[in-house]
PDB file of N, CA and C in Angstrom:
ATOM      1  N   MET A   1      56.136  38.848  98.451  1.00  0.00           N
ATOM      2  CA  MET A   1      54.896  39.100  97.728  1.00  0.00           C
ATOM      3  C   MET A   1      55.186  39.016  96.230  1.00  0.00           C
ATOM      4  N   ASP A   2      54.319  38.402  95.524  1.00  0.00           N
ATOM      5  CA  ASP A   2      54.455  38.228  94.073  1.00  0.00           C
ATOM      6  C   ASP A   2      53.958  39.484  93.355  1.00  0.00           C
ATOM      7  N   ILE A   3      54.514  39.764  92.187  1.00  0.00           N
ATOM      8  CA  ILE A   3      54.090  40.962  91.392  1.00  0.00           C
ATOM      9  C   ILE A   3      52.626  40.863  91.017  1.00  0.00           C
ATOM     10  N   ASN A   4      52.056  39.664  90.956  1.00  0.00           N
ATOM     11  CA  ASN A   4      50.672  39.521  90.584  1.00  0.00           C
ATOM     12  C   ASN A   4      49.708  39.693  91.769  1.00  0.00           C
ATOM     13  N   THR A   5      50.232  39.853  92.969  1.00  0.00           N
ATOM     14  CA  THR A   5      49.399  40.062  94.144  1.00  0.00           C
ATOM     15  C   THR A   5      48.713  41.416  94.024  1.00  0.00           C
ATOM     16  N   PRO A   6      47.400  41.491  94.181  1.00  0.00           N
ATOM     17  CA  PRO A   6      46.715  42.778  94.111  1.00  0.00           C
ATOM     18  C   PRO A   6      47.124  43.633  95.314  1.00  0.00           C
ATOM     19  N   ILE A   7      47.241  44.920  95.086  1.00  0.00           N
ATOM     20  CA  ILE A   7      47.618  45.824  96.184  1.00  0.00           C
ATOM     21  C   ILE A   7      46.500  46.795  96.446  1.00  0.00           C
ATOM     22  N   VAL A   8      46.523  47.376  97.667  1.00  0.00           N
ATOM     23  CA  VAL A   8      45.570  48.401  98.063  1.00  0.00           C
ATOM     24  C   VAL A   8      46.346  49.501  98.737  1.00  0.00           C
ATOM     25  N   PHE A   9      45.743  50.696  98.728  1.00  0.00           N
ATOM     26  CA  PHE A   9      46.338  51.785  99.501  1.00  0.00           C
ATOM     27  C   PHE A   9      45.872  51.635 100.946  1.00  0.00           C
ATOM     28  N   SER A  10      46.771  51.956 101.863  1.00  0.00           N
ATOM     29  CA  SER A  10      46.404  51.917 103.280  1.00  0.00           C
ATOM     30  C   SER A  10      47.217  53.004 104.006  1.00  0.00           C
ATOM     31  N   ASP A  11      46.919  53.195 105.256  1.00  0.00           N
ATOM     32  CA  ASP A  11      47.564  54.199 106.063  1.00  0.00           C
ATOM     33  C   ASP A  11      49.071  53.838 106.255  1.00  0.00           C
ATOM     34  N   GLY A  12      49.933  54.716 105.778  1.00  0.00           N
ATOM     35  CA  GLY A  12      51.364  54.471 105.851  1.00  0.00           C
ATOM     36  C   GLY A  12      52.062  55.164 106.990  1.00  0.00           C
ATOM     37  N   THR A  13      51.299  55.645 107.950  1.00  0.00           N
ATOM     38  CA  THR A  13      51.870  56.431 109.068  1.00  0.00           C
ATOM     39  C   THR A  13      52.944  55.637 109.805  1.00  0.00           C
ATOM     40  N   TYR A  14      52.674  54.388 110.093  1.00  0.00           N
ATOM     41  CA  TYR A  14      53.626  53.564 110.841  1.00  0.00           C
ATOM     42  C   TYR A  14      54.956  53.448 110.083  1.00  0.00           C
ATOM     43  N   VAL A  15      54.898  53.162 108.817  1.00  0.00           N
ATOM     44  CA  VAL A  15      56.127  52.998 108.005  1.00  0.00           C
ATOM     45  C   VAL A  15      56.918  54.307 107.949  1.00  0.00           C
ATOM     46  N   PHE A  16      56.236  55.438 107.711  1.00  0.00           N
ATOM     47  CA  PHE A  16      56.930  56.685 107.609  1.00  0.00           C
ATOM     48  C   PHE A  16      57.455  57.134 108.965  1.00  0.00           C
ATOM     49  N   ASN A  17      56.757  56.870 110.038  1.00  0.00           N
ATOM     50  CA  ASN A  17      57.260  57.235 111.390  1.00  0.00           C
ATOM     51  C   ASN A  17      58.516  56.428 111.693  1.00  0.00           C
ATOM     52  N   LYS A  18      58.543  55.140 111.320  1.00  0.00           N
ATOM     53  CA  LYS A  18      59.758  54.344 111.531  1.00  0.00           C
ATOM     54  C   LYS A  18      60.908  54.905 110.690  1.00  0.00           C
ATOM     55  N   LEU A  19      60.689  55.310 109.466  1.00  0.00           N
ATOM     56  CA  LEU A  19      61.748  55.895 108.662  1.00  0.00           C
ATOM     57  C   LEU A  19      62.234  57.194 109.254  1.00  0.00           C
ATOM     58  N   LYS A  20      61.363  57.986 109.814  1.00  0.00           N
ATOM     59  CA  LYS A  20      61.761  59.255 110.442  1.00  0.00           C
ATOM     60  C   LYS A  20      62.551  59.045 111.715  1.00  0.00           C
ATOM     61  N   GLN A  21      62.436  57.892 112.347  1.00  0.00           N
ATOM     62  CA  GLN A  21      63.256  57.567 113.502  1.00  0.00           C
ATOM     63  C   GLN A  21      64.692  57.218 113.075  1.00  0.00           C
ATOM     64  N   LYS A  22      64.792  56.672 111.867  1.00  0.00           N
ATOM     65  CA  LYS A  22      66.086  56.227 111.388  1.00  0.00           C
ATOM     66  C   LYS A  22      66.817  57.301 110.528  1.00  0.00           C
ATOM     67  N   TYR A  23      66.034  58.105 109.777  1.00  0.00           N
ATOM     68  CA  TYR A  23      66.556  59.108 108.866  1.00  0.00           C
ATOM     69  C   TYR A  23      66.076  60.504 109.258  1.00  0.00           C
ATOM     70  N   ILE A  24      66.801  61.501 108.888  1.00  0.00           N
ATOM     71  CA  ILE A  24      66.446  62.916 109.151  1.00  0.00           C
ATOM     72  C   ILE A  24      65.360  63.332 108.197  1.00  0.00           C
ATOM     73  N   SER A  25      64.277  63.915 108.717  1.00  0.00           N
ATOM     74  CA  SER A  25      63.249  64.488 107.841  1.00  0.00           C
ATOM     75  C   SER A  25      63.491  65.974 107.703  1.00  0.00           C
ATOM     76  N   HIS A  26      63.024  66.552 106.603  1.00  0.00           N
ATOM     77  CA  HIS A  26      63.317  67.938 106.271  1.00  0.00           C
ATOM     78  C   HIS A  26      62.034  68.689 105.950  1.00  0.00           C
ATOM     79  N   LYS A  27      62.131  70.000 105.892  1.00  0.00           N
ATOM     80  CA  LYS A  27      60.958  70.817 105.531  1.00  0.00           C
ATOM     81  C   LYS A  27      60.477  70.483 104.132  1.00  0.00           C
ATOM     82  N   LYS A  28      61.419  70.123 103.256  1.00  0.00           N
ATOM     83  CA  LYS A  28      61.101  69.824 101.878  1.00  0.00           C
ATOM     84  C   LYS A  28      61.700  68.482 101.505  1.00  0.00           C
ATOM     85  N   GLY A  29      60.837  67.556 101.040  1.00  0.00           N
ATOM     86  CA  GLY A  29      61.345  66.274 100.586  1.00  0.00           C
ATOM     87  C   GLY A  29      62.002  66.403  99.193  1.00  0.00           C
ATOM     88  N   ARG A  30      62.838  65.424  98.877  1.00  0.00           N
ATOM     89  CA  ARG A  30      63.558  65.481  97.601  1.00  0.00           C
ATOM     90  C   ARG A  30      63.695  64.075  97.041  1.00  0.00           C
ATOM     91  N   PHE A  31      63.870  64.014  95.702  1.00  0.00           N
ATOM     92  CA  PHE A  31      64.204  62.778  95.019  1.00  0.00           C
ATOM     93  C   PHE A  31      65.275  63.056  94.003  1.00  0.00           C
ATOM     94  N   ILE A  32      66.318  62.278  94.078  1.00  0.00           N
ATOM     95  CA  ILE A  32      67.387  62.361  93.074  1.00  0.00           C
ATOM     96  C   ILE A  32      67.342  61.055  92.264  1.00  0.00           C
ATOM     97  N   LEU A  33      67.213  61.248  90.958  1.00  0.00           N
ATOM     98  CA  LEU A  33      67.244  60.120  90.032  1.00  0.00           C
ATOM     99  C   LEU A  33      68.702  59.948  89.574  1.00  0.00           C
ATOM    100  N   ALA A  34      69.248  58.763  89.806  1.00  0.00           N
ATOM    101  CA  ALA A  34      70.594  58.469  89.386  1.00  0.00           C
ATOM    102  C   ALA A  34      70.647  57.074  88.731  1.00  0.00           C
ATOM    103  N   ALA A  35      71.531  56.935  87.803  1.00  0.00           N
ATOM    104  CA  ALA A  35      71.612  55.674  87.018  1.00  0.00           C
ATOM    105  C   ALA A  35      72.043  54.507  87.895  1.00  0.00           C
ATOM    106  N   SER A  36      71.638  53.321  87.454  1.00  0.00           N
ATOM    107  CA  SER A  36      72.099  52.102  88.093  1.00  0.00           C
ATOM    108  C   SER A  36      73.613  52.050  88.036  1.00  0.00           C
ATOM    109  N   GLY A  37      74.233  51.635  89.132  1.00  0.00           N
ATOM    110  CA  GLY A  37      75.674  51.494  89.207  1.00  0.00           C
ATOM    111  C   GLY A  37      76.407  52.778  89.442  1.00  0.00           C
ATOM    112  N   SER A  38      75.684  53.878  89.763  1.00  0.00           N
ATOM    113  CA  SER A  38      76.353  55.173  89.916  1.00  0.00           C
ATOM    114  C   SER A  38      76.856  55.392  91.348  1.00  0.00           C
ATOM    115  N   GLY A  39      76.630  54.461  92.258  1.00  0.00           N
ATOM    116  CA  GLY A  39      77.165  54.616  93.626  1.00  0.00           C
ATOM    117  C   GLY A  39      76.112  55.084  94.632  1.00  0.00           C
ATOM    118  N   LYS A  40      74.852  55.011  94.305  1.00  0.00           N
ATOM    119  CA  LYS A  40      73.809  55.470  95.213  1.00  0.00           C
ATOM    120  C   LYS A  40      73.853  54.742  96.563  1.00  0.00           C
ATOM    121  N   SER A  41      73.851  53.425  96.502  1.00  0.00           N
ATOM    122  CA  SER A  41      73.858  52.638  97.730  1.00  0.00           C
ATOM    123  C   SER A  41      75.119  52.870  98.537  1.00  0.00           C
ATOM    124  N   TYR A  42      76.247  52.956  97.874  1.00  0.00           N
ATOM    125  CA  TYR A  42      77.498  53.257  98.565  1.00  0.00           C
ATOM    126  C   TYR A  42      77.404  54.595  99.284  1.00  0.00           C
ATOM    127  N   TYR A  43      76.908  55.618  98.593  1.00  0.00           N
ATOM    128  CA  TYR A  43      76.759  56.947  99.187  1.00  0.00           C
ATOM    129  C   TYR A  43      75.854  56.887 100.401  1.00  0.00           C
ATOM    130  N   VAL A  44      74.708  56.265 100.269  1.00  0.00           N
ATOM    131  CA  VAL A  44      73.742  56.216 101.379  1.00  0.00           C
ATOM    132  C   VAL A  44      74.356  55.497 102.572  1.00  0.00           C
ATOM    133  N   CYS A  45      75.044  54.385 102.348  1.00  0.00           N
ATOM    134  CA  CYS A  45      75.645  53.634 103.435  1.00  0.00           C
ATOM    135  C   CYS A  45      76.769  54.359 104.140  1.00  0.00           C
ATOM    136  N   ASN A  46      77.419  55.269 103.418  1.00  0.00           N
ATOM    137  CA  ASN A  46      78.586  55.942 103.985  1.00  0.00           C
ATOM    138  C   ASN A  46      78.344  57.404 104.334  1.00  0.00           C
ATOM    139  N   GLN A  47      77.099  57.878 104.296  1.00  0.00           N
ATOM    140  CA  GLN A  47      76.832  59.247 104.684  1.00  0.00           C
ATOM    141  C   GLN A  47      77.010  59.399 106.187  1.00  0.00           C
ATOM    142  N   LYS A  48      77.557  60.550 106.625  1.00  0.00           N
ATOM    143  CA  LYS A  48      77.836  60.778 108.014  1.00  0.00           C
ATOM    144  C   LYS A  48      76.552  61.006 108.812  1.00  0.00           C
ATOM    145  N   GLU A  49      75.631  61.746 108.240  1.00  0.00           N
ATOM    146  CA  GLU A  49      74.280  61.945 108.829  1.00  0.00           C
ATOM    147  C   GLU A  49      73.286  61.309 107.905  1.00  0.00           C
ATOM    148  N   LYS A  50      72.308  60.656 108.463  1.00  0.00           N
ATOM    149  CA  LYS A  50      71.354  59.896 107.650  1.00  0.00           C
ATOM    150  C   LYS A  50      70.238  60.786 107.076  1.00  0.00           C
ATOM    151  N   HIS A  51      70.618  61.515 105.983  1.00  0.00           N
ATOM    152  CA  HIS A  51      69.645  62.329 105.275  1.00  0.00           C
ATOM    153  C   HIS A  51      68.986  61.521 104.162  1.00  0.00           C
ATOM    154  N   TRP A  52      69.788  60.759 103.414  1.00  0.00           N
ATOM    155  CA  TRP A  52      69.305  60.097 102.178  1.00  0.00           C
ATOM    156  C   TRP A  52      68.921  58.653 102.450  1.00  0.00           C
ATOM    157  N   ILE A  53      67.819  58.245 101.848  1.00  0.00           N
ATOM    158  CA  ILE A  53      67.336  56.868 101.909  1.00  0.00           C
ATOM    159  C   ILE A  53      67.542  56.242 100.533  1.00  0.00           C
ATOM    160  N   ASP A  54      68.098  55.043 100.532  1.00  0.00           N
ATOM    161  CA  ASP A  54      68.298  54.315  99.281  1.00  0.00           C
ATOM    162  C   ASP A  54      66.935  53.907  98.727  1.00  0.00           C
ATOM    163  N   GLY A  55      66.653  54.290  97.493  1.00  0.00           N
ATOM    164  CA  GLY A  55      65.385  53.988  96.860  1.00  0.00           C
ATOM    165  C   GLY A  55      65.096  52.487  96.797  1.00  0.00           C
ATOM    166  N   ASP A  56      66.121  51.694  96.558  1.00  0.00           N
ATOM    167  CA  ASP A  56      65.901  50.249  96.497  1.00  0.00           C
ATOM    168  C   ASP A  56      65.323  49.725  97.829  1.00  0.00           C
ATOM    169  N   TYR A  57      65.913  50.178  98.937  1.00  0.00           N
ATOM    170  CA  TYR A  57      65.413  49.829 100.283  1.00  0.00           C
ATOM    171  C   TYR A  57      64.010  50.367 100.493  1.00  0.00           C
ATOM    172  N   PHE A  58      63.798  51.649 100.201  1.00  0.00           N
ATOM    173  CA  PHE A  58      62.548  52.313 100.440  1.00  0.00           C
ATOM    174  C   PHE A  58      61.385  51.634  99.642  1.00  0.00           C
ATOM    175  N   TRP A  59      61.618  51.408  98.365  1.00  0.00           N
ATOM    176  CA  TRP A  59      60.557  50.824  97.549  1.00  0.00           C
ATOM    177  C   TRP A  59      60.283  49.378  97.949  1.00  0.00           C
ATOM    178  N   HIS A  60      61.295  48.694  98.447  1.00  0.00           N
ATOM    179  CA  HIS A  60      61.076  47.329  98.913  1.00  0.00           C
ATOM    180  C   HIS A  60      60.210  47.306 100.188  1.00  0.00           C
ATOM    181  N   ILE A  61      60.506  48.128 101.168  1.00  0.00           N
ATOM    182  CA  ILE A  61      59.757  48.101 102.414  1.00  0.00           C
ATOM    183  C   ILE A  61      58.350  48.649 102.269  1.00  0.00           C
ATOM    184  N   THR A  62      58.113  49.410 101.210  1.00  0.00           N
ATOM    185  CA  THR A  62      56.743  49.920 100.979  1.00  0.00           C
ATOM    186  C   THR A  62      55.994  49.056  99.981  1.00  0.00           C
ATOM    187  N   ASN A  63      56.545  47.943  99.583  1.00  0.00           N
ATOM    188  CA  ASN A  63      55.949  47.035  98.616  1.00  0.00           C
ATOM    189  C   ASN A  63      55.698  47.615  97.242  1.00  0.00           C
ATOM    190  N   ALA A  64      56.430  48.683  96.912  1.00  0.00           N
ATOM    191  CA  ALA A  64      56.335  49.240  95.578  1.00  0.00           C
ATOM    192  C   ALA A  64      57.087  48.367  94.591  1.00  0.00           C
ATOM    193  N   ASP A  65      58.249  47.922  94.985  1.00  0.00           N
ATOM    194  CA  ASP A  65      59.074  47.070  94.146  1.00  0.00           C
ATOM    195  C   ASP A  65      59.014  45.632  94.669  1.00  0.00           C
ATOM    196  N   LEU A  66      58.276  44.830  93.997  1.00  0.00           N
ATOM    197  CA  LEU A  66      58.112  43.432  94.431  1.00  0.00           C
ATOM    198  C   LEU A  66      59.095  42.519  93.736  1.00  0.00           C
ATOM    199  N   LEU A  67      59.996  43.097  92.954  1.00  0.00           N
ATOM    200  CA  LEU A  67      60.897  42.295  92.142  1.00  0.00           C
ATOM    201  C   LEU A  67      62.217  41.975  92.845  1.00  0.00           C
ATOM    202  N   SER A  68      62.507  42.719  93.901  1.00  0.00           N
ATOM    203  CA  SER A  68      63.774  42.585  94.637  1.00  0.00           C
ATOM    204  C   SER A  68      64.953  42.798  93.686  1.00  0.00           C
ATOM    205  N   GLU A  69      65.813  41.774  93.625  1.00  0.00           N
ATOM    206  CA  GLU A  69      67.010  41.892  92.802  1.00  0.00           C
ATOM    207  C   GLU A  69      66.825  41.282  91.409  1.00  0.00           C
ATOM    208  N   GLU A  70      65.628  40.848  91.089  1.00  0.00           N
ATOM    209  CA  GLU A  70      65.404  40.211  89.796  1.00  0.00           C
ATOM    210  C   GLU A  70      65.449  41.249  88.673  1.00  0.00           C
ATOM    211  N   TRP A  71      66.024  40.889  87.561  1.00  0.00           N
ATOM    212  CA  TRP A  71      65.985  41.696  86.374  1.00  0.00           C
ATOM    213  C   TRP A  71      64.808  41.179  85.550  1.00  0.00           C
ATOM    214  N   VAL A  72      63.875  42.063  85.224  1.00  0.00           N
ATOM    215  CA  VAL A  72      62.685  41.705  84.485  1.00  0.00           C
ATOM    216  C   VAL A  72      62.725  42.415  83.167  1.00  0.00           C
ATOM    217  N   TYR A  73      62.531  41.683  82.084  1.00  0.00           N
ATOM    218  CA  TYR A  73      62.601  42.272  80.774  1.00  0.00           C
ATOM    219  C   TYR A  73      61.224  42.539  80.165  1.00  0.00           C
ATOM    220  N   ASP A  74      60.170  42.191  80.911  1.00  0.00           N
ATOM    221  CA  ASP A  74      58.813  42.471  80.468  1.00  0.00           C
ATOM    222  C   ASP A  74      58.523  43.949  80.811  1.00  0.00           C
ATOM    223  N   MET A  75      58.505  44.813  79.806  1.00  0.00           N
ATOM    224  CA  MET A  75      58.381  46.233  80.043  1.00  0.00           C
ATOM    225  C   MET A  75      57.050  46.589  80.754  1.00  0.00           C
ATOM    226  N   LYS A  76      56.032  45.802  80.540  1.00  0.00           N
ATOM    227  CA  LYS A  76      54.755  46.066  81.241  1.00  0.00           C
ATOM    228  C   LYS A  76      54.948  45.921  82.757  1.00  0.00           C
ATOM    229  N   VAL A  77      55.697  44.917  83.202  1.00  0.00           N
ATOM    230  CA  VAL A  77      55.938  44.715  84.605  1.00  0.00           C
ATOM    231  C   VAL A  77      56.850  45.818  85.133  1.00  0.00           C
ATOM    232  N   VAL A  78      57.865  46.138  84.372  1.00  0.00           N
ATOM    233  CA  VAL A  78      58.794  47.232  84.783  1.00  0.00           C
ATOM    234  C   VAL A  78      58.046  48.544  84.963  1.00  0.00           C
ATOM    235  N   MET A  79      57.151  48.862  84.052  1.00  0.00           N
ATOM    236  CA  MET A  79      56.374  50.110  84.133  1.00  0.00           C
ATOM    237  C   MET A  79      55.426  50.093  85.335  1.00  0.00           C
ATOM    238  N   GLU A  80      54.869  48.944  85.670  1.00  0.00           N
ATOM    239  CA  GLU A  80      54.011  48.841  86.838  1.00  0.00           C
ATOM    240  C   GLU A  80      54.804  49.092  88.110  1.00  0.00           C
ATOM    241  N   VAL A  81      55.973  48.470  88.204  1.00  0.00           N
ATOM    242  CA  VAL A  81      56.852  48.702  89.376  1.00  0.00           C
ATOM    243  C   VAL A  81      57.249  50.170  89.450  1.00  0.00           C
ATOM    244  N   ASN A  82      57.607  50.769  88.321  1.00  0.00           N
ATOM    245  CA  ASN A  82      57.995  52.178  88.311  1.00  0.00           C
ATOM    246  C   ASN A  82      56.846  53.049  88.706  1.00  0.00           C
ATOM    247  N   ASN A  83      55.616  52.737  88.308  1.00  0.00           N
ATOM    248  CA  ASN A  83      54.445  53.519  88.732  1.00  0.00           C
ATOM    249  C   ASN A  83      54.256  53.417  90.231  1.00  0.00           C
ATOM    250  N   ARG A  84      54.382  52.259  90.748  1.00  0.00           N
ATOM    251  CA  ARG A  84      54.238  52.063  92.231  1.00  0.00           C
ATOM    252  C   ARG A  84      55.331  52.841  92.966  1.00  0.00           C
ATOM    253  N   SER A  85      56.541  52.760  92.430  1.00  0.00           N
ATOM    254  CA  SER A  85      57.669  53.485  93.062  1.00  0.00           C
ATOM    255  C   SER A  85      57.426  54.996  93.035  1.00  0.00           C
ATOM    256  N   ASP A  86      56.897  55.510  91.934  1.00  0.00           N
ATOM    257  CA  ASP A  86      56.589  56.943  91.844  1.00  0.00           C
ATOM    258  C   ASP A  86      55.584  57.368  92.905  1.00  0.00           C
ATOM    259  N   VAL A  87      54.538  56.568  93.090  1.00  0.00           N
ATOM    260  CA  VAL A  87      53.535  56.897  94.117  1.00  0.00           C
ATOM    261  C   VAL A  87      54.168  56.984  95.497  1.00  0.00           C
ATOM    262  N   MET A  88      54.975  55.956  95.834  1.00  0.00           N
ATOM    263  CA  MET A  88      55.597  55.940  97.123  1.00  0.00           C
ATOM    264  C   MET A  88      56.634  57.060  97.311  1.00  0.00           C
ATOM    265  N   THR A  89      57.366  57.368  96.244  1.00  0.00           N
ATOM    266  CA  THR A  89      58.332  58.482  96.295  1.00  0.00           C
ATOM    267  C   THR A  89      57.611  59.800  96.582  1.00  0.00           C
ATOM    268  N   GLN A  90      56.482  60.021  95.945  1.00  0.00           N
ATOM    269  CA  GLN A  90      55.724  61.253  96.184  1.00  0.00           C
ATOM    270  C   GLN A  90      55.247  61.321  97.623  1.00  0.00           C
ATOM    271  N   GLN A  91      54.882  60.198  98.238  1.00  0.00           N
ATOM    272  CA  GLN A  91      54.491  60.193  99.634  1.00  0.00           C
ATOM    273  C   GLN A  91      55.666  60.506 100.535  1.00  0.00           C
ATOM    274  N   ALA A  92      56.847  59.974 100.213  1.00  0.00           N
ATOM    275  CA  ALA A  92      58.043  60.269 100.992  1.00  0.00           C
ATOM    276  C   ALA A  92      58.403  61.774 100.922  1.00  0.00           C
ATOM    277  N   ILE A  93      58.273  62.345  99.738  1.00  0.00           N
ATOM    278  CA  ILE A  93      58.571  63.758  99.534  1.00  0.00           C
ATOM    279  C   ILE A  93      57.620  64.591 100.439  1.00  0.00           C
ATOM    280  N   LYS A  94      56.358  64.243 100.445  1.00  0.00           N
ATOM    281  CA  LYS A  94      55.384  64.940 101.287  1.00  0.00           C
ATOM    282  C   LYS A  94      55.786  64.857 102.770  1.00  0.00           C
ATOM    283  N   GLN A  95      56.444  63.764 103.137  1.00  0.00           N
ATOM    284  CA  GLN A  95      56.863  63.572 104.558  1.00  0.00           C
ATOM    285  C   GLN A  95      58.228  64.216 104.831  1.00  0.00           C
ATOM    286  N   GLY A  96      58.807  64.880 103.851  1.00  0.00           N
ATOM    287  CA  GLY A  96      60.084  65.547 104.067  1.00  0.00           C
ATOM    288  C   GLY A  96      61.296  64.642 104.016  1.00  0.00           C
ATOM    289  N   LEU A  97      61.125  63.483 103.381  1.00  0.00           N
ATOM    290  CA  LEU A  97      62.248  62.540 103.284  1.00  0.00           C
ATOM    291  C   LEU A  97      62.987  62.726 101.950  1.00  0.00           C
ATOM    292  N   TRP A  98      64.254  62.327 101.980  1.00  0.00           N
ATOM    293  CA  TRP A  98      65.081  62.447 100.771  1.00  0.00           C
ATOM    294  C   TRP A  98      65.400  61.011 100.277  1.00  0.00           C
ATOM    295  N   ILE A  99      65.010  60.766  99.009  1.00  0.00           N
ATOM    296  CA  ILE A  99      65.207  59.461  98.395  1.00  0.00           C
ATOM    297  C   ILE A  99      66.184  59.591  97.210  1.00  0.00           C
ATOM    298  N   VAL A 100      67.097  58.650  97.069  1.00  0.00           N
ATOM    299  CA  VAL A 100      67.934  58.618  95.901  1.00  0.00           C
ATOM    300  C   VAL A 100      67.767  57.219  95.279  1.00  0.00           C
ATOM    301  N   GLY A 101      67.454  57.177  93.982  1.00  0.00           N
ATOM    302  CA  GLY A 101      67.160  55.910  93.364  1.00  0.00           C
ATOM    303  C   GLY A 101      67.142  55.985  91.842  1.00  0.00           C
ATOM    304  N   SER A 102      66.860  54.854  91.241  1.00  0.00           N
ATOM    305  CA  SER A 102      66.868  54.787  89.774  1.00  0.00           C
ATOM    306  C   SER A 102      65.557  54.315  89.185  1.00  0.00           C
ATOM    307  N   SER A 103      64.484  54.288  89.978  1.00  0.00           N
ATOM    308  CA  SER A 103      63.206  53.810  89.507  1.00  0.00           C
ATOM    309  C   SER A 103      62.223  54.962  89.417  1.00  0.00           C
ATOM    310  N   ASN A 104      61.741  55.251  88.231  1.00  0.00           N
ATOM    311  CA  ASN A 104      60.691  56.238  88.039  1.00  0.00           C
ATOM    312  C   ASN A 104      60.205  56.219  86.614  1.00  0.00           C
ATOM    313  N   ASN A 105      59.079  56.848  86.390  1.00  0.00           N
ATOM    314  CA  ASN A 105      58.524  56.989  85.043  1.00  0.00           C
ATOM    315  C   ASN A 105      58.698  58.404  84.575  1.00  0.00           C
TER     316      ASN A 105
END
């Protein structure tokens, strides 16, 4: 999907239920903000129990981050992606999921 594609809010029950099958959900959701290159993905891939979800993966599957691996220097686009990521992160927290990532406002 292109960054210029208009988005709408819809029922995310299916997506969150699938995540809860793969990852442990908790009474209280959490978000850890960590810098790029700090080892987030390595930590998530090597955790013994699947508590933490990699933000890059999470934001991609929820269509919050439509940029994938592209580096975008247009701050307007970066802020839009960060806003989308914030909305999805808040939904994950409400669902008791733990996200670690580097995208937020």
